[in-house]
PDB file of N, CA and C in Angstrom:
ATOM      1  N   MET A   1    -153.903 -58.960-150.556  1.00  0.00           N
ATOM      2  CA  MET A   1    -154.923 -58.824-149.378  1.00  0.00           C
ATOM      3  C   MET A   1    -155.276 -57.509-148.893  1.00  0.00           C
ATOM      4  N   LYS A   2    -154.047 -56.984-148.636  1.00  0.00           N
ATOM      5  CA  LYS A   2    -154.042 -55.964-147.898  1.00  0.00           C
ATOM      6  C   LYS A   2    -154.801 -54.502-148.774  1.00  0.00           C
ATOM      7  N   TYR A   3    -154.075 -54.713-150.125  1.00  0.00           N
ATOM      8  CA  TYR A   3    -154.885 -54.299-151.293  1.00  0.00           C
ATOM      9  C   TYR A   3    -156.233 -53.681-151.223  1.00  0.00           C
ATOM     10  N   LEU A   4    -156.700 -55.106-150.897  1.00  0.00           N
ATOM     11  CA  LEU A   4    -158.298 -55.207-151.077  1.00  0.00           C
ATOM     12  C   LEU A   4    -159.414 -54.575-149.800  1.00  0.00           C
ATOM     13  N   VAL A   5    -158.237 -54.944-148.571  1.00  0.00           N
ATOM     14  CA  VAL A   5    -159.068 -54.105-147.295  1.00  0.00           C
ATOM     15  C   VAL A   5    -158.657 -52.533-147.775  1.00  0.00           C
ATOM     16  N   LEU A   6    -157.753 -52.076-148.127  1.00  0.00           N
ATOM     17  CA  LEU A   6    -157.656 -50.628-148.332  1.00  0.00           C
ATOM     18  C   LEU A   6    -158.489 -50.154-149.528  1.00  0.00           C
ATOM     19  N   ALA A   7    -158.842 -51.220-150.241  1.00  0.00           N
ATOM     20  CA  ALA A   7    -159.452 -50.487-151.566  1.00  0.00           C
ATOM     21  C   ALA A   7    -160.937 -50.188-150.696  1.00  0.00           C
ATOM     22  N   VAL A   8    -161.523 -51.493-149.780  1.00  0.00           N
ATOM     23  CA  VAL A   8    -162.827 -51.370-149.241  1.00  0.00           C
ATOM     24  C   VAL A   8    -163.044 -49.984-148.510  1.00  0.00           C
ATOM     25  N   VAL A   9    -162.141 -49.869-147.763  1.00  0.00           N
ATOM     26  CA  VAL A   9    -162.053 -48.955-146.589  1.00  0.00           C
ATOM     27  C   VAL A   9    -162.383 -47.856-147.768  1.00  0.00           C
ATOM     28  N   VAL A  10    -161.346 -47.323-148.522  1.00  0.00           N
ATOM     29  CA  VAL A  10    -161.433 -46.197-149.300  1.00  0.00           C
ATOM     30  C   VAL A  10    -162.715 -45.948-149.863  1.00  0.00           C
ATOM     31  N   LEU A  11    -163.538 -47.300-150.413  1.00  0.00           N
ATOM     32  CA  LEU A  11    -164.787 -47.103-150.900  1.00  0.00           C
ATOM     33  C   LEU A  11    -165.931 -46.409-149.818  1.00  0.00           C
ATOM     34  N   ALA A  12    -165.526 -47.203-148.520  1.00  0.00           N
ATOM     35  CA  ALA A  12    -166.759 -46.743-147.439  1.00  0.00           C
ATOM     36  C   ALA A  12    -166.481 -45.627-147.575  1.00  0.00           C
ATOM     37  N   VAL A  13    -165.335 -45.026-147.164  1.00  0.00           N
ATOM     38  CA  VAL A  13    -165.074 -43.483-146.761  1.00  0.00           C
ATOM     39  C   VAL A  13    -165.562 -42.471-148.076  1.00  0.00           C
ATOM     40  N   LEU A  14    -165.909 -42.978-149.133  1.00  0.00           N
ATOM     41  CA  LEU A  14    -166.171 -42.307-150.272  1.00  0.00           C
ATOM     42  C   LEU A  14    -167.795 -41.933-150.508  1.00  0.00           C
ATOM     43  N   TRP A  15    -168.295 -43.634-149.723  1.00  0.00           N
ATOM     44  CA  TRP A  15    -169.745 -43.644-149.827  1.00  0.00           C
ATOM     45  C   TRP A  15    -170.625 -42.708-148.769  1.00  0.00           C
ATOM     46  N   LEU A  16    -169.717 -43.132-147.634  1.00  0.00           N
ATOM     47  CA  LEU A  16    -170.181 -42.005-146.528  1.00  0.00           C
ATOM     48  C   LEU A  16    -169.909 -40.461-146.564  1.00  0.00           C
ATOM     49  N   LEU A  17    -169.107 -40.214-147.544  1.00  0.00           N
ATOM     50  CA  LEU A  17    -169.071 -38.491-147.625  1.00  0.00           C
ATOM     51  C   LEU A  17    -169.971 -38.345-148.872  1.00  0.00           C
ATOM     52  N   ARG A  18    -170.060 -39.153-149.574  1.00  0.00           N
ATOM     53  CA  ARG A  18    -171.076 -38.930-150.749  1.00  0.00           C
ATOM     54  C   ARG A  18    -172.807 -38.584-150.063  1.00  0.00           C
ATOM     55  N   GLY A  19    -173.230 -39.735-149.091  1.00  0.00           N
ATOM     56  CA  GLY A  19    -173.956 -39.764-148.200  1.00  0.00           C
ATOM     57  C   GLY A  19    -173.963 -38.596-147.904  1.00  0.00           C
ATOM     58  N   LYS A  20    -173.289 -37.842-146.831  1.00  0.00           N
ATOM     59  CA  LYS A  20    -173.531 -36.356-146.001  1.00  0.00           C
ATOM     60  C   LYS A  20    -174.023 -35.252-146.774  1.00  0.00           C
ATOM     61  N   ARG A  21    -173.841 -35.340-148.407  1.00  0.00           N
ATOM     62  CA  ARG A  21    -174.200 -33.929-149.012  1.00  0.00           C
ATOM     63  C   ARG A  21    -176.128 -34.336-148.989  1.00  0.00           C
ATOM     64  N   GLY A  22    -176.240 -35.737-149.121  1.00  0.00           N
ATOM     65  CA  GLY A  22    -177.982 -35.422-149.044  1.00  0.00           C
ATOM     66  C   GLY A  22    -178.469 -34.875-149.981  1.00  0.00           C
ATOM     67  N   THR A  23    -179.647 -34.591-149.521  1.00  0.00           N
ATOM     68  CA  THR A  23    -180.670 -33.894-150.308  1.00  0.00           C
ATOM     69  C   THR A  23    -180.305 -32.341-150.259  1.00  0.00           C
ATOM     70  N   PRO A  24    -180.204 -31.250-151.120  1.00  0.00           N
ATOM     71  CA  PRO A  24    -180.068 -29.908-150.736  1.00  0.00           C
ATOM     72  C   PRO A  24    -181.092 -29.047-150.182  1.00  0.00           C
ATOM     73  N   ARG A  25    -180.340 -28.054-148.838  1.00  0.00           N
ATOM     74  CA  ARG A  25    -181.826 -27.526-148.051  1.00  0.00           C
ATOM     75  C   ARG A  25    -181.276 -25.814-148.843  1.00  0.00           C
ATOM     76  N   PRO A  26    -182.635 -25.436-148.960  1.00  0.00           N
ATOM     77  CA  PRO A  26    -183.249 -23.914-149.305  1.00  0.00           C
ATOM     78  C   PRO A  26    -182.462 -23.335-147.956  1.00  0.00           C
ATOM     79  N   PRO A  27    -181.299 -22.247-148.476  1.00  0.00           N
ATOM     80  CA  PRO A  27    -180.840 -21.270-147.978  1.00  0.00           C
ATOM     81  C   PRO A  27    -181.594 -20.549-146.771  1.00  0.00           C
ATOM     82  N   GLY A  28    -181.038 -20.493-145.178  1.00  0.00           N
ATOM     83  CA  GLY A  28    -181.892 -20.061-144.250  1.00  0.00           C
ATOM     84  C   GLY A  28    -183.072 -20.946-144.020  1.00  0.00           C
ATOM     85  N   GLY A  29    -183.001 -21.914-144.219  1.00  0.00           N
ATOM     86  CA  GLY A  29    -184.248 -22.593-143.460  1.00  0.00           C
ATOM     87  C   GLY A  29    -185.394 -22.037-143.874  1.00  0.00           C
ATOM     88  N   ALA A  30    -185.567 -21.733-145.370  1.00  0.00           N
ATOM     89  CA  ALA A  30    -187.250 -21.403-145.776  1.00  0.00           C
ATOM     90  C   ALA A  30    -187.514 -22.433-146.503  1.00  0.00           C
ATOM     91  N   THR A  31    -188.224 -23.136-145.603  1.00  0.00           N
ATOM     92  CA  THR A  31    -189.418 -24.469-146.471  1.00  0.00           C
ATOM     93  C   THR A  31    -190.594 -23.722-145.832  1.00  0.00           C
ATOM     94  N   LYS A  32    -191.623 -24.646-146.670  1.00  0.00           N
ATOM     95  CA  LYS A  32    -192.973 -23.986-146.407  1.00  0.00           C
ATOM     96  C   LYS A  32    -193.107 -24.734-145.136  1.00  0.00           C
ATOM     97  N   PRO A  33    -194.188 -23.896-144.400  1.00  0.00           N
ATOM     98  CA  PRO A  33    -194.841 -24.718-143.175  1.00  0.00           C
ATOM     99  C   PRO A  33    -196.001 -26.002-143.234  1.00  0.00           C
ATOM    100  N   PRO A  34    -195.934 -26.795-143.009  1.00  0.00           N
ATOM    101  CA  PRO A  34    -196.991 -27.840-142.948  1.00  0.00           C
ATOM    102  C   PRO A  34    -198.489 -27.248-143.332  1.00  0.00           C
ATOM    103  N   GLN A  35    -199.353 -27.682-143.944  1.00  0.00           N
ATOM    104  CA  GLN A  35    -200.363 -27.111-144.294  1.00  0.00           C
ATOM    105  C   GLN A  35    -201.334 -28.385-143.861  1.00  0.00           C
ATOM    106  N   THR A  36    -202.727 -27.805-143.169  1.00  0.00           N
ATOM    107  CA  THR A  36    -203.662 -28.600-142.456  1.00  0.00           C
ATOM    108  C   THR A  36    -203.929 -29.111-143.558  1.00  0.00           C
ATOM    109  N   MET A  37    -204.934 -30.389-143.103  1.00  0.00           N
ATOM    110  CA  MET A  37    -205.195 -31.663-144.151  1.00  0.00           C
ATOM    111  C   MET A  37    -206.637 -31.899-143.990  1.00  0.00           C
ATOM    112  N   VAL A  38    -207.380 -31.756-145.095  1.00  0.00           N
ATOM    113  CA  VAL A  38    -208.638 -31.603-145.169  1.00  0.00           C
ATOM    114  C   VAL A  38    -209.315 -32.661-145.617  1.00  0.00           C
ATOM    115  N   ALA A  39    -210.566 -33.119-145.404  1.00  0.00           N
ATOM    116  CA  ALA A  39    -211.282 -34.535-146.415  1.00  0.00           C
ATOM    117  C   ALA A  39    -212.688 -33.865-146.932  1.00  0.00           C
ATOM    118  N   CYS A  40    -212.216 -34.284-148.247  1.00  0.00           N
ATOM    119  CA  CYS A  40    -213.503 -34.092-149.205  1.00  0.00           C
ATOM    120  C   CYS A  40    -214.651 -34.332-148.940  1.00  0.00           C
ATOM    121  N   ALA A  41    -215.617 -33.638-148.636  1.00  0.00           N
ATOM    122  CA  ALA A  41    -216.961 -33.642-148.145  1.00  0.00           C
ATOM    123  C   ALA A  41    -218.105 -34.921-149.224  1.00  0.00           C
ATOM    124  N   HIS A  42    -217.602 -35.318-150.243  1.00  0.00           N
ATOM    125  CA  HIS A  42    -217.896 -36.285-151.454  1.00  0.00           C
ATOM    126  C   HIS A  42    -217.435 -37.440-151.109  1.00  0.00           C
ATOM    127  N   CYS A  43    -215.988 -37.533-151.432  1.00  0.00           N
ATOM    128  CA  CYS A  43    -215.405 -38.687-151.216  1.00  0.00           C
ATOM    129  C   CYS A  43    -214.353 -39.164-149.997  1.00  0.00           C
ATOM    130  N   GLY A  44    -214.283 -38.317-149.163  1.00  0.00           N
ATOM    131  CA  GLY A  44    -213.314 -38.543-148.303  1.00  0.00           C
ATOM    132  C   GLY A  44    -212.079 -38.423-147.933  1.00  0.00           C
ATOM    133  N   VAL A  45    -211.461 -38.292-149.292  1.00  0.00           N
ATOM    134  CA  VAL A  45    -209.863 -38.489-149.598  1.00  0.00           C
ATOM    135  C   VAL A  45    -209.120 -37.106-148.891  1.00  0.00           C
ATOM    136  N   HIS A  46    -208.367 -37.367-148.021  1.00  0.00           N
ATOM    137  CA  HIS A  46    -207.783 -36.134-147.280  1.00  0.00           C
ATOM    138  C   HIS A  46    -206.813 -35.694-148.470  1.00  0.00           C
ATOM    139  N   LEU A  47    -206.216 -33.729-148.180  1.00  0.00           N
ATOM    140  CA  LEU A  47    -205.581 -33.289-149.260  1.00  0.00           C
ATOM    141  C   LEU A  47    -205.253 -31.830-148.627  1.00  0.00           C
ATOM    142  N   PRO A  48    -204.136 -31.308-148.921  1.00  0.00           N
ATOM    143  CA  PRO A  48    -204.171 -29.930-147.988  1.00  0.00           C
ATOM    144  C   PRO A  48    -204.983 -28.822-148.286  1.00  0.00           C
ATOM    145  N   ARG A  49    -205.066 -28.102-147.251  1.00  0.00           N
ATOM    146  CA  ARG A  49    -206.308 -27.109-147.454  1.00  0.00           C
ATOM    147  C   ARG A  49    -206.080 -26.438-148.915  1.00  0.00           C
ATOM    148  N   GLY A  50    -204.868 -26.015-148.955  1.00  0.00           N
ATOM    149  CA  GLY A  50    -204.289 -24.849-150.251  1.00  0.00           C
ATOM    150  C   GLY A  50    -205.127 -25.528-151.359  1.00  0.00           C
ATOM    151  N   GLU A  51    -205.281 -26.809-151.673  1.00  0.00           N
ATOM    152  CA  GLU A  51    -205.426 -27.663-153.050  1.00  0.00           C
ATOM    153  C   GLU A  51    -207.084 -27.735-152.868  1.00  0.00           C
ATOM    154  N   ALA A  52    -207.638 -27.223-151.874  1.00  0.00           N
ATOM    155  CA  ALA A  52    -209.334 -28.131-151.856  1.00  0.00           C
ATOM    156  C   ALA A  52    -210.313 -27.016-152.491  1.00  0.00           C
ATOM    157  N   VAL A  53    -210.960 -27.473-153.148  1.00  0.00           N
ATOM    158  CA  VAL A  53    -211.962 -26.562-153.255  1.00  0.00           C
ATOM    159  C   VAL A  53    -213.303 -26.508-152.605  1.00  0.00           C
ATOM    160  N   ALA A  54    -213.524 -25.109-152.288  1.00  0.00           N
ATOM    161  CA  ALA A  54    -214.505 -24.724-151.181  1.00  0.00           C
ATOM    162  C   ALA A  54    -215.725 -24.601-151.918  1.00  0.00           C
ATOM    163  N   GLY A  55    -216.544 -24.947-151.052  1.00  0.00           N
ATOM    164  CA  GLY A  55    -218.645 -24.846-151.398  1.00  0.00           C
ATOM    165  C   GLY A  55    -218.965 -24.632-149.994  1.00  0.00           C
ATOM    166  N   ALA A  56    -220.080 -24.071-150.461  1.00  0.00           N
ATOM    167  CA  ALA A  56    -221.163 -23.689-149.705  1.00  0.00           C
ATOM    168  C   ALA A  56    -221.066 -24.746-148.564  1.00  0.00           C
ATOM    169  N   ASP A  57    -221.104 -26.018-148.461  1.00  0.00           N
ATOM    170  CA  ASP A  57    -221.568 -27.238-147.725  1.00  0.00           C
ATOM    171  C   ASP A  57    -220.172 -27.898-147.242  1.00  0.00           C
ATOM    172  N   GLY A  58    -219.023 -27.328-147.878  1.00  0.00           N
ATOM    173  CA  GLY A  58    -217.793 -27.731-147.295  1.00  0.00           C
ATOM    174  C   GLY A  58    -216.879 -27.741-148.183  1.00  0.00           C
ATOM    175  N   LEU A  59    -215.628 -28.794-148.001  1.00  0.00           N
ATOM    176  CA  LEU A  59    -214.300 -28.623-148.899  1.00  0.00           C
ATOM    177  C   LEU A  59    -214.422 -29.917-149.768  1.00  0.00           C
ATOM    178  N   TYR A  60    -213.806 -29.855-151.099  1.00  0.00           N
ATOM    179  CA  TYR A  60    -213.925 -30.478-151.712  1.00  0.00           C
ATOM    180  C   TYR A  60    -212.422 -30.756-152.877  1.00  0.00           C
ATOM    181  N   CYS A  61    -212.164 -32.261-152.913  1.00  0.00           N
ATOM    182  CA  CYS A  61    -210.914 -32.265-153.417  1.00  0.00           C
ATOM    183  C   CYS A  61    -210.928 -31.609-154.981  1.00  0.00           C
ATOM    184  N   SER A  62    -212.224 -31.794-155.948  1.00  0.00           N
ATOM    185  CA  SER A  62    -212.161 -31.221-157.149  1.00  0.00           C
ATOM    186  C   SER A  62    -213.295 -30.528-157.118  1.00  0.00           C
ATOM    187  N   GLU A  63    -213.673 -29.696-158.262  1.00  0.00           N
ATOM    188  CA  GLU A  63    -214.652 -28.997-158.698  1.00  0.00           C
ATOM    189  C   GLU A  63    -216.218 -29.888-159.067  1.00  0.00           C
ATOM    190  N   ALA A  64    -215.185 -31.522-160.081  1.00  0.00           N
ATOM    191  CA  ALA A  64    -216.319 -32.329-160.087  1.00  0.00           C
ATOM    192  C   ALA A  64    -217.112 -32.976-158.562  1.00  0.00           C
ATOM    193  N   HIS A  65    -216.594 -33.227-157.613  1.00  0.00           N
ATOM    194  CA  HIS A  65    -216.864 -33.764-156.599  1.00  0.00           C
ATOM    195  C   HIS A  65    -218.020 -32.448-156.060  1.00  0.00           C
ATOM    196  N   ARG A  66    -217.757 -31.010-155.824  1.00  0.00           N
ATOM    197  CA  ARG A  66    -218.068 -29.902-155.739  1.00  0.00           C
ATOM    198  C   ARG A  66    -219.579 -30.333-156.126  1.00  0.00           C
ATOM    199  N   LEU A  67    -219.687 -30.491-157.467  1.00  0.00           N
ATOM    200  CA  LEU A  67    -220.796 -30.187-157.943  1.00  0.00           C
ATOM    201  C   LEU A  67    -221.599 -31.701-158.387  1.00  0.00           C
ATOM    202  N   ALA A  68    -221.071 -32.394-158.009  1.00  0.00           N
ATOM    203  CA  ALA A  68    -221.611 -34.099-157.826  1.00  0.00           C
ATOM    204  C   ALA A  68    -222.333 -34.111-156.430  1.00  0.00           C
ATOM    205  N   GLN A  69    -221.927 -33.273-155.216  1.00  0.00           N
ATOM    206  CA  GLN A  69    -222.535 -33.445-153.997  1.00  0.00           C
ATOM    207  C   GLN A  69    -223.777 -32.393-153.814  1.00  0.00           C
ATOM    208  N   GLY A  70    -224.113 -31.829-154.961  1.00  0.00           N
ATOM    209  CA  GLY A  70    -225.055 -30.629-155.120  1.00  0.00           C
ATOM    210  C   GLY A  70    -224.745 -29.371-154.638  1.00  0.00           C
ATOM    211  N   ASP A  71    -223.753 -29.281-154.134  1.00  0.00           N
ATOM    212  CA  ASP A  71    -222.791 -27.835-153.953  1.00  0.00           C
ATOM    213  C   ASP A  71    -222.874 -26.726-154.711  1.00  0.00           C
ATOM    214  N   ARG A  72    -223.898 -25.962-155.123  1.00  0.00           N
ATOM    215  CA  ARG A  72    -223.639 -25.180-156.202  1.00  0.00           C
ATOM    216  C   ARG A  72    -223.238 -23.473-155.697  1.00  0.00           C
ATOM    217  N   GLY A  73    -222.962 -23.685-154.065  1.00  0.00           N
ATOM    218  CA  GLY A  73    -222.365 -22.188-153.983  1.00  0.00           C
ATOM    219  C   GLY A  73    -221.005 -22.036-153.886  1.00  0.00           C
TER     220      GLY A  73
END
């Protein structure tokens, strides 16, 4: 019985140590800053500003939605 308890304790310690590693972080905290979320003027879906397609009448999630809205600019 004492070997079973010892095995459970050893496995728990190994599991906790493995969990401490987690996901690797970039050195020096070089993470990307959060981006502003914008809504597509045609369908309303939210997407990061950097991925949006700009038109004369607003921002769109794709070139197809820009054209579907009638925005030629």
